[in-house]
Amino acid sequence: MYIYPEHLKAKATMWLWQLRDLTIIGIGALFSVFAAAQTGILIPALLTASYAFLTIHFEDTSILDFISYACAYFFRQQLFIWRITE
């Protein structure tokens, strides 16, 4: 018997990121190091760090998803219907 979440249908994850995100973060980190060494510009490192922070996953929800849900809750119009039930 093999123990794997959701019968081999779950996305592959490592630590707090999905493997696709870890690949993008790794490539971004390499590019950031080369850019900082050649030009001294730290903007790619900041972009890579912000992407790494926003793609952290907790129980199938990333921080970016949570922020978008919070913005939708606070900035979209909500409709409340009050009724008297008998």
Protein backbone atom coordinates (compact mmCIF):
# COMPACT_ATOMS: atom_id res chain seq x y z
CA MET A 1 0.00 0.00 0.00
CA TYR A 2 1.35 3.39 -0.99
CA ILE A 3 0.60 6.45 1.10
CA TYR A 4 0.08 9.48 -1.12
CA PRO A 5 -2.50 12.24 -0.73
CA GLU A 6 -5.70 12.08 -2.74
CA HIS A 7 -4.90 8.89 -4.66
CA LEU A 8 -2.11 10.37 -6.84
CA LYS A 9 -4.25 13.32 -7.95
CA ALA A 10 -2.68 15.94 -5.65
CA LYS A 11 -0.19 18.45 -6.99
CA ALA A 12 3.43 17.78 -6.12
CA THR A 13 4.62 20.05 -3.34
CA MET A 14 7.87 20.60 -1.50
CA TRP A 15 7.95 22.55 1.75
CA LEU A 16 5.41 25.34 1.32
CA TRP A 17 5.45 25.64 -2.49
CA GLN A 18 4.34 23.59 -5.44
CA LEU A 19 7.21 22.25 -7.54
CA ARG A 20 6.33 24.56 -10.44
CA ASP A 21 6.65 27.55 -8.14
CA LEU A 22 9.94 26.26 -6.73
CA THR A 23 11.32 25.98 -10.25
CA ILE A 24 10.33 29.57 -11.05
CA ILE A 25 11.77 30.78 -7.73
CA GLY A 26 15.05 28.94 -8.39
CA ILE A 27 15.42 30.38 -11.89
CA GLY A 28 14.51 33.83 -10.58
CA ALA A 29 17.07 33.51 -7.78
CA LEU A 30 19.81 32.58 -10.26
CA PHE A 31 18.88 35.49 -12.51
CA SER A 32 18.79 37.81 -9.49
CA VAL A 33 22.27 36.76 -8.37
CA PHE A 34 23.70 37.27 -11.86
CA ALA A 35 21.98 40.64 -12.24
CA ALA A 36 23.20 41.80 -8.83
CA ALA A 37 26.75 40.66 -9.56
CA GLN A 38 26.93 42.27 -12.99
CA THR A 39 24.96 45.49 -12.52
CA GLY A 40 24.30 45.82 -8.80
CA ILE A 41 20.54 46.10 -9.38
CA LEU A 42 18.45 44.38 -6.71
CA ILE A 43 15.03 44.73 -8.37
CA PRO A 44 15.01 41.12 -9.72
CA ALA A 45 15.77 39.84 -6.21
CA LEU A 46 12.85 41.84 -4.80
CA LEU A 47 10.52 40.52 -7.51
CA THR A 48 11.66 36.94 -6.86
CA ALA A 49 11.21 37.32 -3.09
CA SER A 50 7.73 38.79 -3.51
CA TYR A 51 6.75 35.96 -5.87
CA ALA A 52 8.09 33.43 -3.37
CA PHE A 53 6.06 35.02 -0.58
CA LEU A 54 2.83 35.22 -2.59
CA THR A 55 2.98 31.58 -3.74
CA ILE A 56 3.32 30.00 -0.28
CA HIS A 57 0.55 27.40 0.02
CA PHE A 58 -1.33 26.43 3.18
CA GLU A 59 -3.90 23.67 2.71
CA ASP A 60 -4.48 24.33 -1.03
CA THR A 61 -4.73 28.12 -0.63
CA SER A 62 -1.88 30.43 -1.47
CA ILE A 63 -1.30 33.81 0.11
CA LEU A 64 -2.18 35.45 -3.22
CA ASP A 65 -5.53 33.59 -3.22
CA PHE A 66 -6.20 34.73 0.34
CA ILE A 67 -5.44 38.37 -0.56
CA SER A 68 -7.71 38.21 -3.61
CA TYR A 69 -10.53 36.67 -1.52
CA ALA A 70 -10.12 39.38 1.11
CA CYS A 71 -10.18 42.16 -1.51
CA ALA A 72 -13.28 40.65 -3.11
CA TYR A 73 -14.98 40.50 0.29
CA PHE A 74 -14.18 44.06 1.30
CA PHE A 75 -14.41 45.90 -2.02
CA ARG A 76 -17.32 44.24 -3.85
CA GLN A 77 -20.89 45.15 -3.12
CA GLN A 78 -22.64 42.62 -0.95
CA LEU A 79 -26.34 41.91 -0.98
CA PHE A 80 -28.19 41.04 2.21
CA ILE A 81 -31.84 40.00 2.12
CA TRP A 82 -33.81 40.16 5.35
CA ARG A 83 -36.97 38.11 5.61
CA ILE A 84 -39.34 37.15 8.31
CA THR A 85 -39.88 33.43 8.30
CA GLU A 86 -43.07 32.00 9.69
